[in-house]
């Protein structure tokens, strides 16, 4: 299965319904979660010399996100539902078109995807985390965590690399840290993802279909999702100006919070 983009078929029609999606809560609303970050949970690791072969996956806990080395050569982090059910790609290496490729955690601290038959001695690398170096590190590893973050601890000066795909609570409060690109949340029937292309998108779990988006893809600067003290939920640029690119327009409600409900609605 090729993942050419994180569901780039997010047409402007979805963006047009951004405001109307913020409907009043109904009786089917879930009980609000806590205003805090989720715990990372368990991890599955690859240590130096260990490989993730074509067709294999790392799964810390069944039913939680998984790291898959696909047969087409693409390395993908998926949010999952149930065995055999729809999956949502949270991040991918973009190395499809290399059937039989595998991933290797190297002793030099670099995590590399090699073509079939390739390796450290023969070459054939198609993607890497650039975490190689000679810095002392007794805990070199590549890890996928229950919250969906895939990371590499290497030997470079900038020794840590991450997909930043950490799961967040389904309740967004002004007391929380802002979401960054890659962050996501879920309810019983929906996923909400701040994609790496800056689009905030809701996906239906039963078929993986995009059912709403903020229409903010393509901004040059990274966007953060944040609930303001005044109750206005915004997507703003991550920089000194913090230019707002999307908002709910719900200011004047100091105790407001955003909630991804079980019925698939996102409500402030």
C-alpha atoms as a PDB file:
ATOM      1  CA  UNK A   1       0.000   0.000   0.000  1.00  0.00           C
ATOM      2  CA  UNK A   2       1.437   3.332  -1.042  1.00  0.00           C
ATOM      3  CA  UNK A   3       1.023   6.307   1.214  1.00  0.00           C
ATOM      4  CA  UNK A   4       1.841   9.176  -1.153  1.00  0.00           C
ATOM      5  CA  UNK A   5       0.753  11.783   1.401  1.00  0.00           C
ATOM      6  CA  UNK A   6      -1.077  11.928   4.666  1.00  0.00           C
ATOM      7  CA  UNK A   7      -4.498  11.821   3.040  1.00  0.00           C
ATOM      8  CA  UNK A   8      -3.830  14.761   0.714  1.00  0.00           C
ATOM      9  CA  UNK A   9      -7.220  14.284  -0.914  1.00  0.00           C
ATOM     10  CA  UNK A  10      -8.639  16.823   1.514  1.00  0.00           C
ATOM     11  CA  UNK A  11     -10.642  18.957  -0.853  1.00  0.00           C
ATOM     12  CA  UNK A  12     -11.744  22.547  -0.195  1.00  0.00           C
ATOM     13  CA  UNK A  13     -15.299  21.285   0.378  1.00  0.00           C
ATOM     14  CA  UNK A  14     -14.145  19.973   3.740  1.00  0.00           C
ATOM     15  CA  UNK A  15     -12.686  23.336   4.662  1.00  0.00           C
ATOM     16  CA  UNK A  16     -15.979  25.013   3.891  1.00  0.00           C
ATOM     17  CA  UNK A  17     -17.672  23.111   6.699  1.00  0.00           C
ATOM     18  CA  UNK A  18     -15.081  24.066   9.311  1.00  0.00           C
ATOM     19  CA  UNK A  19     -17.371  26.395  11.245  1.00  0.00           C
ATOM     20  CA  UNK A  20     -20.562  24.381  10.855  1.00  0.00           C
ATOM     21  CA  UNK A  21     -18.797  21.361  12.337  1.00  0.00           C
ATOM     22  CA  UNK A  22     -18.761  23.177  15.663  1.00  0.00           C
ATOM     23  CA  UNK A  23     -22.333  22.268  16.534  1.00  0.00           C
ATOM     24  CA  UNK A  24     -23.945  22.215  19.983  1.00  0.00           C
ATOM     25  CA  UNK A  25     -23.192  19.148  22.058  1.00  0.00           C
ATOM     26  CA  UNK A  26     -25.828  16.433  22.013  1.00  0.00           C
ATOM     27  CA  UNK A  27     -26.814  13.761  24.490  1.00  0.00           C
ATOM     28  CA  UNK A  28     -24.299  11.430  22.870  1.00  0.00           C
ATOM     29  CA  UNK A  29     -21.321  13.546  23.956  1.00  0.00           C
ATOM     30  CA  UNK A  30     -18.616  11.660  25.793  1.00  0.00           C
ATOM     31  CA  UNK A  31     -17.631  12.484  29.341  1.00  0.00           C
ATOM     32  CA  UNK A  32     -14.824  15.067  29.032  1.00  0.00           C
ATOM     33  CA  UNK A  33     -11.311  13.815  29.515  1.00  0.00           C
ATOM     34  CA  UNK A  34      -8.609  15.386  31.610  1.00  0.00           C
ATOM     35  CA  UNK A  35      -6.756  18.557  30.664  1.00  0.00           C
ATOM     36  CA  UNK A  36      -3.319  16.960  30.579  1.00  0.00           C
ATOM     37  CA  UNK A  37      -1.030  15.104  28.230  1.00  0.00           C
ATOM     38  CA  UNK A  38      -1.411  11.378  27.745  1.00  0.00           C
ATOM     39  CA  UNK A  39       1.262   9.105  29.165  1.00  0.00           C
ATOM     40  CA  UNK A  40       3.574   7.579  26.577  1.00  0.00           C
ATOM     41  CA  UNK A  41       2.890   3.987  27.634  1.00  0.00           C
ATOM     42  CA  UNK A  42       4.911   0.963  26.568  1.00  0.00           C
ATOM     43  CA  UNK A  43       7.566   0.954  23.843  1.00  0.00           C
ATOM     44  CA  UNK A  44       9.030  -1.518  21.380  1.00  0.00           C
ATOM     45  CA  UNK A  45      12.689  -0.968  20.488  1.00  0.00           C
ATOM     46  CA  UNK A  46      15.256  -1.821  17.857  1.00  0.00           C
ATOM     47  CA  UNK A  47      18.788  -1.862  19.276  1.00  0.00           C
ATOM     48  CA  UNK A  48      22.060  -1.595  17.279  1.00  0.00           C
ATOM     49  CA  UNK A  49      22.273  -4.355  14.695  1.00  0.00           C
ATOM     50  CA  UNK A  50      18.558  -5.157  14.785  1.00  0.00           C
ATOM     51  CA  UNK A  51      16.452  -4.917  11.637  1.00  0.00           C
ATOM     52  CA  UNK A  52      12.812  -4.422  10.777  1.00  0.00           C
ATOM     53  CA  UNK A  53      12.353  -6.633   7.742  1.00  0.00           C
ATOM     54  CA  UNK A  54       9.967  -6.104   4.863  1.00  0.00           C
ATOM     55  CA  UNK A  55       6.456  -6.958   6.025  1.00  0.00           C
ATOM     56  CA  UNK A  56       7.318  -6.808   9.723  1.00  0.00           C
ATOM     57  CA  UNK A  57       5.943  -4.402  12.317  1.00  0.00           C
ATOM     58  CA  UNK A  58       6.695  -3.160  15.820  1.00  0.00           C
ATOM     59  CA  UNK A  59       3.626  -3.070  18.071  1.00  0.00           C
ATOM     60  CA  UNK A  60       4.142  -2.163  21.754  1.00  0.00           C
ATOM     61  CA  UNK A  61       0.539  -3.000  22.694  1.00  0.00           C
ATOM     62  CA  UNK A  62      -2.101  -4.646  20.456  1.00  0.00           C
ATOM     63  CA  UNK A  63      -4.675  -2.064  19.409  1.00  0.00           C
ATOM     64  CA  UNK A  64      -2.207   0.804  19.864  1.00  0.00           C
ATOM     65  CA  UNK A  65      -0.194   2.547  17.095  1.00  0.00           C
ATOM     66  CA  UNK A  66       2.263   0.415  15.150  1.00  0.00           C
ATOM     67  CA  UNK A  67       5.389   0.908  13.040  1.00  0.00           C
ATOM     68  CA  UNK A  68       5.208  -1.056   9.785  1.00  0.00           C
ATOM     69  CA  UNK A  69       7.965  -1.780   7.245  1.00  0.00           C
ATOM     70  CA  UNK A  70       5.707  -2.249   4.259  1.00  0.00           C
ATOM     71  CA  UNK A  71       6.482  -4.573   1.374  1.00  0.00           C
ATOM     72  CA  UNK A  72       6.585  -1.556  -0.977  1.00  0.00           C
ATOM     73  CA  UNK A  73       9.531  -0.102   1.002  1.00  0.00           C
ATOM     74  CA  UNK A  74       7.589   2.573   2.901  1.00  0.00           C
ATOM     75  CA  UNK A  75       8.012   2.822   6.673  1.00  0.00           C
ATOM     76  CA  UNK A  76       4.710   3.972   8.211  1.00  0.00           C
ATOM     77  CA  UNK A  77       3.373   4.807  11.677  1.00  0.00           C
ATOM     78  CA  UNK A  78      -0.296   3.838  11.847  1.00  0.00           C
ATOM     79  CA  UNK A  79      -3.044   4.538  14.339  1.00  0.00           C
ATOM     80  CA  UNK A  80      -5.162   1.391  14.480  1.00  0.00           C
ATOM     81  CA  UNK A  81      -8.707   0.369  15.329  1.00  0.00           C
ATOM     82  CA  UNK A  82      -9.196  -3.395  15.562  1.00  0.00           C
ATOM     83  CA  UNK A  83      -7.426  -6.358  13.874  1.00  0.00           C
ATOM     84  CA  UNK A  84      -8.081  -6.072  10.154  1.00  0.00           C
ATOM     85  CA  UNK A  85      -9.862  -2.736  10.575  1.00  0.00           C
ATOM     86  CA  UNK A  86      -9.062   0.686   9.077  1.00  0.00           C
ATOM     87  CA  UNK A  87      -5.714   2.255   9.905  1.00  0.00           C
ATOM     88  CA  UNK A  88      -4.713   5.904   9.780  1.00  0.00           C
ATOM     89  CA  UNK A  89      -1.182   6.835   8.605  1.00  0.00           C
ATOM     90  CA  UNK A  90       0.288   9.350  11.054  1.00  0.00           C
ATOM     91  CA  UNK A  91       3.758   9.520   9.477  1.00  0.00           C
ATOM     92  CA  UNK A  92       5.666   7.827   6.654  1.00  0.00           C
ATOM     93  CA  UNK A  93       9.203   7.796   5.253  1.00  0.00           C
ATOM     94  CA  UNK A  94       8.154   8.271   1.623  1.00  0.00           C
ATOM     95  CA  UNK A  95      10.348   5.374   0.460  1.00  0.00           C
ATOM     96  CA  UNK A  96       7.674   3.414  -1.413  1.00  0.00           C
ATOM     97  CA  UNK A  97       8.855   1.975  -4.721  1.00  0.00           C
ATOM     98  CA  UNK A  98      11.588  -0.077  -3.045  1.00  0.00           C
ATOM     99  CA  UNK A  99      10.055  -3.549  -2.610  1.00  0.00           C
ATOM    100  CA  UNK A 100      11.889  -5.680  -0.067  1.00  0.00           C
ATOM    101  CA  UNK A 101      13.510  -2.703   1.662  1.00  0.00           C
ATOM    102  CA  UNK A 102      14.306  -3.054   5.362  1.00  0.00           C
ATOM    103  CA  UNK A 103      15.195  -0.751   8.269  1.00  0.00           C
ATOM    104  CA  UNK A 104      18.363  -1.067  10.366  1.00  0.00           C
ATOM    105  CA  UNK A 105      19.361   0.504  13.700  1.00  0.00           C
ATOM    106  CA  UNK A 106      23.098   0.973  13.244  1.00  0.00           C
ATOM    107  CA  UNK A 107      25.865   1.036  15.833  1.00  0.00           C
ATOM    108  CA  UNK A 108      26.854   4.542  14.679  1.00  0.00           C
ATOM    109  CA  UNK A 109      23.455   5.794  15.881  1.00  0.00           C
ATOM    110  CA  UNK A 110      21.857   6.168  12.461  1.00  0.00           C
ATOM    111  CA  UNK A 111      18.540   4.545  11.598  1.00  0.00           C
ATOM    112  CA  UNK A 112      18.597   3.675   7.897  1.00  0.00           C
ATOM    113  CA  UNK A 113      16.238   2.177   5.333  1.00  0.00           C
ATOM    114  CA  UNK A 114      18.161   0.079   2.799  1.00  0.00           C
ATOM    115  CA  UNK A 115      17.082  -1.352  -0.513  1.00  0.00           C
ATOM    116  CA  UNK A 116      16.751  -5.119  -0.692  1.00  0.00           C
ATOM    117  CA  UNK A 117      20.287  -6.517  -0.727  1.00  0.00           C
ATOM    118  CA  UNK A 118      21.820  -3.270   0.515  1.00  0.00           C
ATOM    119  CA  UNK A 119      23.553  -2.572   3.807  1.00  0.00           C
ATOM    120  CA  UNK A 120      26.225  -0.574   5.649  1.00  0.00           C
ATOM    121  CA  UNK A 121      29.017  -2.216   3.649  1.00  0.00           C
ATOM    122  CA  UNK A 122      27.354  -2.351   0.234  1.00  0.00           C
ATOM    123  CA  UNK A 123      25.310   0.868   0.237  1.00  0.00           C
ATOM    124  CA  UNK A 124      21.777   1.197  -1.045  1.00  0.00           C
ATOM    125  CA  UNK A 125      20.430   3.477   1.683  1.00  0.00           C
ATOM    126  CA  UNK A 126      17.256   5.313   0.625  1.00  0.00           C
ATOM    127  CA  UNK A 127      16.403   7.209   3.831  1.00  0.00           C
ATOM    128  CA  UNK A 128      17.941   7.892   7.260  1.00  0.00           C
ATOM    129  CA  UNK A 129      17.486   9.949  10.421  1.00  0.00           C
ATOM    130  CA  UNK A 130      20.974  11.550  10.272  1.00  0.00           C
ATOM    131  CA  UNK A 131      21.605  10.643  13.929  1.00  0.00           C
ATOM    132  CA  UNK A 132      25.048   9.126  13.282  1.00  0.00           C
ATOM    133  CA  UNK A 133      28.157  10.397  15.057  1.00  0.00           C
ATOM    134  CA  UNK A 134      30.712   9.579  17.735  1.00  0.00           C
ATOM    135  CA  UNK A 135      28.951  10.974  20.799  1.00  0.00           C
ATOM    136  CA  UNK A 136      28.891   8.547  23.718  1.00  0.00           C
ATOM    137  CA  UNK A 137      25.435   7.023  24.162  1.00  0.00           C
ATOM    138  CA  UNK A 138      24.780   3.768  25.968  1.00  0.00           C
ATOM    139  CA  UNK A 139      21.122   3.726  24.975  1.00  0.00           C
ATOM    140  CA  UNK A 140      21.089   3.757  21.171  1.00  0.00           C
ATOM    141  CA  UNK A 141      17.680   2.689  19.948  1.00  0.00           C
ATOM    142  CA  UNK A 142      14.740   3.227  17.613  1.00  0.00           C
ATOM    143  CA  UNK A 143      11.428   3.126  19.470  1.00  0.00           C
ATOM    144  CA  UNK A 144       7.713   3.164  18.757  1.00  0.00           C
ATOM    145  CA  UNK A 145       5.609   4.140  21.745  1.00  0.00           C
ATOM    146  CA  UNK A 146       1.988   3.390  22.653  1.00  0.00           C
ATOM    147  CA  UNK A 147       1.079   7.032  22.026  1.00  0.00           C
ATOM    148  CA  UNK A 148       2.288   6.785  18.405  1.00  0.00           C
ATOM    149  CA  UNK A 149       5.626   8.603  18.635  1.00  0.00           C
ATOM    150  CA  UNK A 150       8.449   6.962  16.678  1.00  0.00           C
ATOM    151  CA  UNK A 151      11.872   8.199  17.796  1.00  0.00           C
ATOM    152  CA  UNK A 152      15.575   7.484  17.420  1.00  0.00           C
ATOM    153  CA  UNK A 153      18.256   8.027  20.043  1.00  0.00           C
ATOM    154  CA  UNK A 154      21.609   8.161  18.235  1.00  0.00           C
ATOM    155  CA  UNK A 155      25.172   9.473  18.461  1.00  0.00           C
ATOM    156  CA  UNK A 156      24.942  12.837  16.677  1.00  0.00           C
ATOM    157  CA  UNK A 157      25.154  16.169  18.462  1.00  0.00           C
ATOM    158  CA  UNK A 158      21.455  16.540  17.744  1.00  0.00           C
ATOM    159  CA  UNK A 159      21.087  13.007  19.020  1.00  0.00           C
ATOM    160  CA  UNK A 160      17.296  12.775  19.197  1.00  0.00           C
ATOM    161  CA  UNK A 161      14.978  12.449  16.190  1.00  0.00           C
ATOM    162  CA  UNK A 162      11.190  12.079  16.362  1.00  0.00           C
ATOM    163  CA  UNK A 163       8.076  11.924  14.190  1.00  0.00           C
ATOM    164  CA  UNK A 164       6.320  14.009  16.895  1.00  0.00           C
ATOM    165  CA  UNK A 165       3.213  11.872  16.386  1.00  0.00           C
ATOM    166  CA  UNK A 166       2.232  11.761  20.065  1.00  0.00           C
ATOM    167  CA  UNK A 167      -1.384  11.128  21.016  1.00  0.00           C
ATOM    168  CA  UNK A 168      -3.057  13.936  22.970  1.00  0.00           C
ATOM    169  CA  UNK A 169      -6.193  13.927  25.160  1.00  0.00           C
ATOM    170  CA  UNK A 170      -9.489  14.315  23.300  1.00  0.00           C
ATOM    171  CA  UNK A 171     -10.165  17.403  25.437  1.00  0.00           C
ATOM    172  CA  UNK A 172      -8.281  20.590  24.471  1.00  0.00           C
ATOM    173  CA  UNK A 173      -7.982  23.096  27.319  1.00  0.00           C
ATOM    174  CA  UNK A 174      -6.315  26.457  27.846  1.00  0.00           C
ATOM    175  CA  UNK A 175      -4.137  24.901  30.551  1.00  0.00           C
ATOM    176  CA  UNK A 176      -2.640  22.390  28.091  1.00  0.00           C
ATOM    177  CA  UNK A 177       0.476  22.824  26.009  1.00  0.00           C
ATOM    178  CA  UNK A 178      -0.382  23.580  22.386  1.00  0.00           C
ATOM    179  CA  UNK A 179      -0.484  20.814  19.796  1.00  0.00           C
ATOM    180  CA  UNK A 180       2.330  20.700  17.263  1.00  0.00           C
ATOM    181  CA  UNK A 181       2.311  19.128  13.812  1.00  0.00           C
ATOM    182  CA  UNK A 182       1.985  15.367  14.084  1.00  0.00           C
ATOM    183  CA  UNK A 183      -0.093  15.426  17.293  1.00  0.00           C
ATOM    184  CA  UNK A 184      -3.434  13.640  17.259  1.00  0.00           C
ATOM    185  CA  UNK A 185      -6.353  12.547  19.438  1.00  0.00           C
ATOM    186  CA  UNK A 186      -9.121  10.021  19.179  1.00  0.00           C
ATOM    187  CA  UNK A 187     -12.598   9.193  20.423  1.00  0.00           C
ATOM    188  CA  UNK A 188     -14.503   5.944  19.995  1.00  0.00           C
ATOM    189  CA  UNK A 189     -15.417   6.750  16.388  1.00  0.00           C
ATOM    190  CA  UNK A 190     -13.043   9.441  15.110  1.00  0.00           C
ATOM    191  CA  UNK A 191      -9.429  10.579  14.863  1.00  0.00           C
ATOM    192  CA  UNK A 192      -8.367  14.244  14.901  1.00  0.00           C
ATOM    193  CA  UNK A 193      -4.892  14.920  13.468  1.00  0.00           C
ATOM    194  CA  UNK A 194      -2.787  18.063  13.085  1.00  0.00           C
ATOM    195  CA  UNK A 195      -1.001  16.829   9.985  1.00  0.00           C
ATOM    196  CA  UNK A 196       2.524  17.662   8.923  1.00  0.00           C
ATOM    197  CA  UNK A 197       1.047  19.681   6.038  1.00  0.00           C
ATOM    198  CA  UNK A 198      -0.562  21.984   8.695  1.00  0.00           C
ATOM    199  CA  UNK A 199      -4.116  20.765   8.055  1.00  0.00           C
ATOM    200  CA  UNK A 200      -6.254  19.813  11.059  1.00  0.00           C
ATOM    201  CA  UNK A 201      -8.330  16.870   9.873  1.00  0.00           C
ATOM    202  CA  UNK A 202     -10.986  14.620  11.361  1.00  0.00           C
ATOM    203  CA  UNK A 203     -11.209  11.024  10.110  1.00  0.00           C
ATOM    204  CA  UNK A 204     -14.026   8.569  10.608  1.00  0.00           C
ATOM    205  CA  UNK A 205     -12.729   5.336  12.132  1.00  0.00           C
ATOM    206  CA  UNK A 206     -15.089   2.906  10.474  1.00  0.00           C
ATOM    207  CA  UNK A 207     -13.706   3.581   6.993  1.00  0.00           C
ATOM    208  CA  UNK A 208     -10.781   6.014   7.444  1.00  0.00           C
ATOM    209  CA  UNK A 209     -12.584   8.729   5.467  1.00  0.00           C
ATOM    210  CA  UNK A 210     -11.764  12.405   6.049  1.00  0.00           C
ATOM    211  CA  UNK A 211     -14.988  14.109   7.196  1.00  0.00           C
ATOM    212  CA  UNK A 212     -13.757  17.596   8.158  1.00  0.00           C
ATOM    213  CA  UNK A 213     -10.693  19.806   7.843  1.00  0.00           C
ATOM    214  CA  UNK A 214      -9.542  23.294   8.802  1.00  0.00           C
ATOM    215  CA  UNK A 215      -8.313  23.942   5.258  1.00  0.00           C
ATOM    216  CA  UNK A 216      -4.934  25.183   6.506  1.00  0.00           C
ATOM    217  CA  UNK A 217      -2.614  22.961   4.484  1.00  0.00           C
ATOM    218  CA  UNK A 218       0.329  24.534   2.713  1.00  0.00           C
ATOM    219  CA  UNK A 219       1.343  27.260   5.168  1.00  0.00           C
ATOM    220  CA  UNK A 220       5.084  27.867   5.088  1.00  0.00           C
ATOM    221  CA  UNK A 221       5.483  27.943   8.871  1.00  0.00           C
ATOM    222  CA  UNK A 222       4.410  25.168  11.199  1.00  0.00           C
ATOM    223  CA  UNK A 223       1.056  25.643  12.917  1.00  0.00           C
ATOM    224  CA  UNK A 224       0.112  25.028  16.549  1.00  0.00           C
ATOM    225  CA  UNK A 225      -3.378  24.209  17.843  1.00  0.00           C
ATOM    226  CA  UNK A 226      -4.101  26.085  21.055  1.00  0.00           C
ATOM    227  CA  UNK A 227      -7.074  26.941  23.251  1.00  0.00           C
ATOM    228  CA  UNK A 228      -6.720  30.532  24.427  1.00  0.00           C
ATOM    229  CA  UNK A 229      -7.551  31.764  27.897  1.00  0.00           C
ATOM    230  CA  UNK A 230     -10.507  33.577  26.316  1.00  0.00           C
ATOM    231  CA  UNK A 231     -11.999  30.346  24.929  1.00  0.00           C
ATOM    232  CA  UNK A 232     -10.983  30.867  21.292  1.00  0.00           C
ATOM    233  CA  UNK A 233      -9.435  27.763  19.706  1.00  0.00           C
ATOM    234  CA  UNK A 234      -6.869  28.744  17.073  1.00  0.00           C
ATOM    235  CA  UNK A 235      -4.349  27.364  14.626  1.00  0.00           C
ATOM    236  CA  UNK A 236      -1.502  29.867  14.675  1.00  0.00           C
ATOM    237  CA  UNK A 237       1.996  29.996  13.240  1.00  0.00           C
ATOM    238  CA  UNK A 238       4.815  28.768  15.417  1.00  0.00           C
ATOM    239  CA  UNK A 239       6.897  31.914  15.510  1.00  0.00           C
ATOM    240  CA  UNK A 240       7.249  35.366  17.074  1.00  0.00           C
ATOM    241  CA  UNK A 241       4.160  36.751  15.312  1.00  0.00           C
ATOM    242  CA  UNK A 242       1.913  33.723  15.918  1.00  0.00           C
ATOM    243  CA  UNK A 243      -0.273  34.700  12.966  1.00  0.00           C
ATOM    244  CA  UNK A 244      -3.681  33.016  13.286  1.00  0.00           C
ATOM    245  CA  UNK A 245      -4.633  30.908  10.254  1.00  0.00           C
ATOM    246  CA  UNK A 246      -7.886  29.436  11.597  1.00  0.00           C
ATOM    247  CA  UNK A 247     -10.080  30.009  14.639  1.00  0.00           C
ATOM    248  CA  UNK A 248     -13.401  28.936  16.093  1.00  0.00           C
ATOM    249  CA  UNK A 249     -14.411  32.487  17.005  1.00  0.00           C
ATOM    250  CA  UNK A 250     -15.506  31.397  20.467  1.00  0.00           C
ATOM    251  CA  UNK A 251     -13.703  34.110  22.439  1.00  0.00           C
ATOM    252  CA  UNK A 252     -15.334  35.521  25.554  1.00  0.00           C
ATOM    253  CA  UNK A 253     -15.724  32.100  27.180  1.00  0.00           C
ATOM    254  CA  UNK A 254     -12.887  31.787  29.655  1.00  0.00           C
ATOM    255  CA  UNK A 255     -13.769  28.248  30.773  1.00  0.00           C
ATOM    256  CA  UNK A 256     -14.252  26.850  27.268  1.00  0.00           C
ATOM    257  CA  UNK A 257     -12.619  23.663  26.023  1.00  0.00           C
ATOM    258  CA  UNK A 258     -12.669  21.672  22.799  1.00  0.00           C
ATOM    259  CA  UNK A 259     -13.928  18.084  22.842  1.00  0.00           C
ATOM    260  CA  UNK A 260     -13.687  15.322  20.243  1.00  0.00           C
ATOM    261  CA  UNK A 261     -16.888  13.415  20.934  1.00  0.00           C
ATOM    262  CA  UNK A 262     -17.754   9.760  20.404  1.00  0.00           C
ATOM    263  CA  UNK A 263     -20.401  10.796  17.872  1.00  0.00           C
ATOM    264  CA  UNK A 264     -17.669  12.161  15.588  1.00  0.00           C
ATOM    265  CA  UNK A 265     -18.334  15.832  16.324  1.00  0.00           C
ATOM    266  CA  UNK A 266     -15.672  18.273  17.539  1.00  0.00           C
ATOM    267  CA  UNK A 267     -17.316  20.823  19.828  1.00  0.00           C
ATOM    268  CA  UNK A 268     -16.179  23.920  21.748  1.00  0.00           C
END
